[in-house]
């Protein structure tokens, strides 16, 4: 594939910095990953807290069977996302100075992806629950679908497309 002259391979966080040792690179990458997870964990914790209080709200008994299933899926997905996003920080503390930082980095990356999927499901079903309760079932599917498609495209497919395209770019 011929690339336009102005397209250059971008430097990535995976590329070593000048005069950076392997250990320094792993340390930097882990720090960057943990910073990104801190952003995600705040959002999922707010959603999870909201979902935990929802059944105790006065109008929750009016939620129909579909709404209860949406709630339950959202709650479990938010809990799973929370576990996935918090695990790297907990493991970092437990494995401190064990020599397993690179293994922890790869695991944290996988958990970040799993957490993003859980968060996307939680957000999708939460939006669908609210829409189903406030409006009715077909807009719930429409709005939930919009959130699902947005998160799948922006969080998963667009980066995969970028990876695919970057393999054709010559440095």
C-alpha atoms as a PDB file:
ATOM      1  CA  UNK A   1       0.000   0.000   0.000  1.00  0.00           C
ATOM      2  CA  UNK A   2       1.384   3.407  -0.983  1.00  0.00           C
ATOM      3  CA  UNK A   3       1.238   5.980   1.772  1.00  0.00           C
ATOM      4  CA  UNK A   4       1.127   9.738   1.211  1.00  0.00           C
ATOM      5  CA  UNK A   5       4.443  11.462   1.960  1.00  0.00           C
ATOM      6  CA  UNK A   6       3.025  13.315   4.945  1.00  0.00           C
ATOM      7  CA  UNK A   7       2.095  10.081   6.731  1.00  0.00           C
ATOM      8  CA  UNK A   8       4.810   9.074   9.127  1.00  0.00           C
ATOM      9  CA  UNK A   9       4.914   6.356  11.687  1.00  0.00           C
ATOM     10  CA  UNK A  10       4.095   7.909  15.022  1.00  0.00           C
ATOM     11  CA  UNK A  11       6.232   7.228  18.022  1.00  0.00           C
ATOM     12  CA  UNK A  12       4.292   5.020  20.394  1.00  0.00           C
ATOM     13  CA  UNK A  13       4.535   4.409  24.098  1.00  0.00           C
ATOM     14  CA  UNK A  14       5.868   0.962  23.209  1.00  0.00           C
ATOM     15  CA  UNK A  15       8.859   2.500  21.423  1.00  0.00           C
ATOM     16  CA  UNK A  16      11.846   2.872  23.726  1.00  0.00           C
ATOM     17  CA  UNK A  17      12.817   6.414  24.583  1.00  0.00           C
ATOM     18  CA  UNK A  18      16.391   7.520  23.808  1.00  0.00           C
ATOM     19  CA  UNK A  19      18.851   6.023  26.305  1.00  0.00           C
ATOM     20  CA  UNK A  20      16.047   4.125  28.052  1.00  0.00           C
ATOM     21  CA  UNK A  21      16.884   0.732  29.532  1.00  0.00           C
ATOM     22  CA  UNK A  22      14.475  -2.200  29.404  1.00  0.00           C
ATOM     23  CA  UNK A  23      13.684  -1.749  33.113  1.00  0.00           C
ATOM     24  CA  UNK A  24      13.051   1.980  32.646  1.00  0.00           C
ATOM     25  CA  UNK A  25      10.770   1.234  29.715  1.00  0.00           C
ATOM     26  CA  UNK A  26       8.725  -1.298  31.697  1.00  0.00           C
ATOM     27  CA  UNK A  27       8.519   1.144  34.628  1.00  0.00           C
ATOM     28  CA  UNK A  28       7.325   3.937  32.324  1.00  0.00           C
ATOM     29  CA  UNK A  29       4.788   1.722  30.558  1.00  0.00           C
ATOM     30  CA  UNK A  30       3.374   0.461  33.853  1.00  0.00           C
ATOM     31  CA  UNK A  31       3.070   4.015  35.172  1.00  0.00           C
ATOM     32  CA  UNK A  32       1.275   5.108  31.996  1.00  0.00           C
ATOM     33  CA  UNK A  33      -1.089   2.147  32.163  1.00  0.00           C
ATOM     34  CA  UNK A  34      -1.914   2.710  35.835  1.00  0.00           C
ATOM     35  CA  UNK A  35      -2.628   6.390  35.113  1.00  0.00           C
ATOM     36  CA  UNK A  36      -5.067   5.406  32.360  1.00  0.00           C
ATOM     37  CA  UNK A  37      -6.784   2.897  34.619  1.00  0.00           C
ATOM     38  CA  UNK A  38      -7.230   5.559  37.310  1.00  0.00           C
ATOM     39  CA  UNK A  39      -9.356   7.549  34.883  1.00  0.00           C
ATOM     40  CA  UNK A  40     -11.488   4.529  33.988  1.00  0.00           C
ATOM     41  CA  UNK A  41     -11.929   3.326  37.550  1.00  0.00           C
ATOM     42  CA  UNK A  42     -13.448   6.644  38.632  1.00  0.00           C
ATOM     43  CA  UNK A  43     -16.160   6.431  35.982  1.00  0.00           C
ATOM     44  CA  UNK A  44     -17.007   2.808  36.633  1.00  0.00           C
ATOM     45  CA  UNK A  45     -17.105   3.376  40.412  1.00  0.00           C
ATOM     46  CA  UNK A  46     -19.605   6.224  40.052  1.00  0.00           C
ATOM     47  CA  UNK A  47     -21.814   4.056  37.833  1.00  0.00           C
ATOM     48  CA  UNK A  48     -21.443   1.075  40.182  1.00  0.00           C
ATOM     49  CA  UNK A  49     -22.371   3.196  43.228  1.00  0.00           C
ATOM     50  CA  UNK A  50     -25.450   4.494  41.434  1.00  0.00           C
ATOM     51  CA  UNK A  51     -26.501   0.964  40.506  1.00  0.00           C
ATOM     52  CA  UNK A  52     -25.996  -0.278  44.069  1.00  0.00           C
ATOM     53  CA  UNK A  53     -28.423   2.329  45.395  1.00  0.00           C
ATOM     54  CA  UNK A  54     -31.043   1.917  42.673  1.00  0.00           C
ATOM     55  CA  UNK A  55     -33.007  -1.027  44.172  1.00  0.00           C
ATOM     56  CA  UNK A  56     -33.505   0.995  47.355  1.00  0.00           C
ATOM     57  CA  UNK A  57     -35.087   3.911  45.516  1.00  0.00           C
ATOM     58  CA  UNK A  58     -38.806   4.322  46.070  1.00  0.00           C
ATOM     59  CA  UNK A  59     -39.840   3.776  42.440  1.00  0.00           C
ATOM     60  CA  UNK A  60     -37.711   0.706  41.723  1.00  0.00           C
ATOM     61  CA  UNK A  61     -40.647  -1.632  42.415  1.00  0.00           C
ATOM     62  CA  UNK A  62     -42.290  -0.220  39.268  1.00  0.00           C
ATOM     63  CA  UNK A  63     -39.465  -1.517  37.045  1.00  0.00           C
ATOM     64  CA  UNK A  64     -40.715  -4.400  34.899  1.00  0.00           C
ATOM     65  CA  UNK A  65     -39.018  -7.744  34.264  1.00  0.00           C
ATOM     66  CA  UNK A  66     -36.953  -6.452  31.313  1.00  0.00           C
ATOM     67  CA  UNK A  67     -35.806  -3.500  33.389  1.00  0.00           C
ATOM     68  CA  UNK A  68     -34.747  -5.766  36.244  1.00  0.00           C
ATOM     69  CA  UNK A  69     -32.694  -7.902  33.864  1.00  0.00           C
ATOM     70  CA  UNK A  70     -31.073  -4.778  32.409  1.00  0.00           C
ATOM     71  CA  UNK A  71     -30.320  -3.595  35.936  1.00  0.00           C
ATOM     72  CA  UNK A  72     -28.802  -6.930  36.935  1.00  0.00           C
ATOM     73  CA  UNK A  73     -26.609  -7.091  33.808  1.00  0.00           C
ATOM     74  CA  UNK A  74     -25.472  -3.494  34.365  1.00  0.00           C
ATOM     75  CA  UNK A  75     -24.680  -4.179  38.020  1.00  0.00           C
ATOM     76  CA  UNK A  76     -22.657  -7.324  37.289  1.00  0.00           C
ATOM     77  CA  UNK A  77     -20.830  -5.687  34.385  1.00  0.00           C
ATOM     78  CA  UNK A  78     -19.923  -2.635  36.477  1.00  0.00           C
ATOM     79  CA  UNK A  79     -18.700  -4.908  39.273  1.00  0.00           C
ATOM     80  CA  UNK A  80     -16.582  -6.907  36.812  1.00  0.00           C
ATOM     81  CA  UNK A  81     -15.165  -3.722  35.290  1.00  0.00           C
ATOM     82  CA  UNK A  82     -14.329  -2.430  38.784  1.00  0.00           C
ATOM     83  CA  UNK A  83     -12.482  -5.637  39.631  1.00  0.00           C
ATOM     84  CA  UNK A  84     -10.564  -5.542  36.337  1.00  0.00           C
ATOM     85  CA  UNK A  85      -9.582  -1.876  36.701  1.00  0.00           C
ATOM     86  CA  UNK A  86      -8.565  -2.149  40.369  1.00  0.00           C
ATOM     87  CA  UNK A  87      -6.624  -5.434  40.048  1.00  0.00           C
ATOM     88  CA  UNK A  88      -3.433  -3.938  38.519  1.00  0.00           C
ATOM     89  CA  UNK A  89      -3.016  -1.493  41.409  1.00  0.00           C
ATOM     90  CA  UNK A  90      -3.639  -4.214  43.992  1.00  0.00           C
ATOM     91  CA  UNK A  91      -1.239  -6.605  42.262  1.00  0.00           C
ATOM     92  CA  UNK A  92       1.363  -3.858  41.958  1.00  0.00           C
ATOM     93  CA  UNK A  93       1.323  -3.526  45.738  1.00  0.00           C
ATOM     94  CA  UNK A  94       1.465  -7.296  46.294  1.00  0.00           C
ATOM     95  CA  UNK A  95       4.195  -7.916  43.731  1.00  0.00           C
ATOM     96  CA  UNK A  96       6.308  -4.880  44.641  1.00  0.00           C
ATOM     97  CA  UNK A  97      10.009  -5.608  44.028  1.00  0.00           C
ATOM     98  CA  UNK A  98       9.331  -9.205  43.046  1.00  0.00           C
ATOM     99  CA  UNK A  99      10.874  -8.937  39.586  1.00  0.00           C
ATOM    100  CA  UNK A 100       7.490  -9.661  37.972  1.00  0.00           C
ATOM    101  CA  UNK A 101       6.742  -6.138  36.784  1.00  0.00           C
ATOM    102  CA  UNK A 102       6.757  -6.993  33.072  1.00  0.00           C
ATOM    103  CA  UNK A 103       4.362  -9.911  33.607  1.00  0.00           C
ATOM    104  CA  UNK A 104       2.164  -7.617  35.695  1.00  0.00           C
ATOM    105  CA  UNK A 105       2.250  -5.009  32.904  1.00  0.00           C
ATOM    106  CA  UNK A 106       0.977  -7.497  30.298  1.00  0.00           C
ATOM    107  CA  UNK A 107      -1.696  -8.787  32.679  1.00  0.00           C
ATOM    108  CA  UNK A 108      -2.780  -5.228  33.526  1.00  0.00           C
ATOM    109  CA  UNK A 109      -3.168  -4.473  29.832  1.00  0.00           C
ATOM    110  CA  UNK A 110      -5.402  -7.528  29.363  1.00  0.00           C
ATOM    111  CA  UNK A 111      -7.423  -6.585  32.445  1.00  0.00           C
ATOM    112  CA  UNK A 112      -7.805  -3.042  31.122  1.00  0.00           C
ATOM    113  CA  UNK A 113      -9.319  -4.412  27.918  1.00  0.00           C
ATOM    114  CA  UNK A 114     -11.638  -6.752  29.868  1.00  0.00           C
ATOM    115  CA  UNK A 115     -12.614  -3.861  32.143  1.00  0.00           C
ATOM    116  CA  UNK A 116     -13.410  -1.658  29.146  1.00  0.00           C
ATOM    117  CA  UNK A 117     -15.670  -4.373  27.754  1.00  0.00           C
ATOM    118  CA  UNK A 118     -17.404  -4.716  31.137  1.00  0.00           C
ATOM    119  CA  UNK A 119     -17.804  -0.943  31.384  1.00  0.00           C
ATOM    120  CA  UNK A 120     -19.237  -0.766  27.855  1.00  0.00           C
ATOM    121  CA  UNK A 121     -21.807  -3.435  28.759  1.00  0.00           C
ATOM    122  CA  UNK A 122     -22.642  -1.662  32.029  1.00  0.00           C
ATOM    123  CA  UNK A 123     -23.104   1.687  30.310  1.00  0.00           C
ATOM    124  CA  UNK A 124     -25.153   0.162  27.499  1.00  0.00           C
ATOM    125  CA  UNK A 125     -27.518  -1.668  29.831  1.00  0.00           C
ATOM    126  CA  UNK A 126     -27.763   1.298  32.225  1.00  0.00           C
ATOM    127  CA  UNK A 127     -28.818   3.604  29.391  1.00  0.00           C
ATOM    128  CA  UNK A 128     -31.235   0.965  28.134  1.00  0.00           C
ATOM    129  CA  UNK A 129     -32.684   0.563  31.660  1.00  0.00           C
ATOM    130  CA  UNK A 130     -33.306   4.285  32.035  1.00  0.00           C
ATOM    131  CA  UNK A 131     -34.773   4.571  28.527  1.00  0.00           C
ATOM    132  CA  UNK A 132     -36.956   1.491  29.046  1.00  0.00           C
ATOM    133  CA  UNK A 133     -38.246   2.855  32.360  1.00  0.00           C
ATOM    134  CA  UNK A 134     -38.801   6.433  31.226  1.00  0.00           C
ATOM    135  CA  UNK A 135     -39.936   5.936  27.624  1.00  0.00           C
ATOM    136  CA  UNK A 136     -40.474   2.309  26.546  1.00  0.00           C
ATOM    137  CA  UNK A 137     -38.749  -0.746  25.067  1.00  0.00           C
ATOM    138  CA  UNK A 138     -37.931   0.236  21.467  1.00  0.00           C
ATOM    139  CA  UNK A 139     -36.148   3.513  22.348  1.00  0.00           C
ATOM    140  CA  UNK A 140     -34.272   1.568  25.024  1.00  0.00           C
ATOM    141  CA  UNK A 141     -32.900  -0.708  22.336  1.00  0.00           C
ATOM    142  CA  UNK A 142     -32.077   2.287  20.136  1.00  0.00           C
ATOM    143  CA  UNK A 143     -30.281   4.297  22.838  1.00  0.00           C
ATOM    144  CA  UNK A 144     -28.577   1.260  24.332  1.00  0.00           C
ATOM    145  CA  UNK A 145     -27.463   0.253  20.847  1.00  0.00           C
ATOM    146  CA  UNK A 146     -26.029   3.716  20.214  1.00  0.00           C
ATOM    147  CA  UNK A 147     -23.927   3.476  23.382  1.00  0.00           C
ATOM    148  CA  UNK A 148     -22.835  -0.079  22.513  1.00  0.00           C
ATOM    149  CA  UNK A 149     -21.835   0.861  18.971  1.00  0.00           C
ATOM    150  CA  UNK A 150     -20.019   4.003  20.121  1.00  0.00           C
ATOM    151  CA  UNK A 151     -17.981   2.209  22.759  1.00  0.00           C
ATOM    152  CA  UNK A 152     -17.186  -0.770  20.511  1.00  0.00           C
ATOM    153  CA  UNK A 153     -16.036   1.541  17.706  1.00  0.00           C
ATOM    154  CA  UNK A 154     -14.078   4.050  19.821  1.00  0.00           C
ATOM    155  CA  UNK A 155     -12.604   1.681  22.406  1.00  0.00           C
ATOM    156  CA  UNK A 156     -11.951  -1.452  20.351  1.00  0.00           C
ATOM    157  CA  UNK A 157     -12.434  -1.290  16.568  1.00  0.00           C
ATOM    158  CA  UNK A 158     -10.863   2.104  15.857  1.00  0.00           C
ATOM    159  CA  UNK A 159      -7.607   1.194  17.678  1.00  0.00           C
ATOM    160  CA  UNK A 160      -7.538  -2.169  15.866  1.00  0.00           C
ATOM    161  CA  UNK A 161      -7.962  -0.369  12.537  1.00  0.00           C
ATOM    162  CA  UNK A 162      -5.124   1.993  13.526  1.00  0.00           C
ATOM    163  CA  UNK A 163      -2.912  -1.008  14.361  1.00  0.00           C
ATOM    164  CA  UNK A 164      -3.709  -2.607  11.019  1.00  0.00           C
ATOM    165  CA  UNK A 165      -3.032   0.599   9.100  1.00  0.00           C
ATOM    166  CA  UNK A 166       0.196   1.325  10.986  1.00  0.00           C
ATOM    167  CA  UNK A 167       1.668  -1.990   9.799  1.00  0.00           C
ATOM    168  CA  UNK A 168       1.561  -0.615   6.233  1.00  0.00           C
ATOM    169  CA  UNK A 169       3.272   2.691   7.161  1.00  0.00           C
ATOM    170  CA  UNK A 170       7.010   2.761   6.567  1.00  0.00           C
ATOM    171  CA  UNK A 171       9.119   4.678   9.134  1.00  0.00           C
END
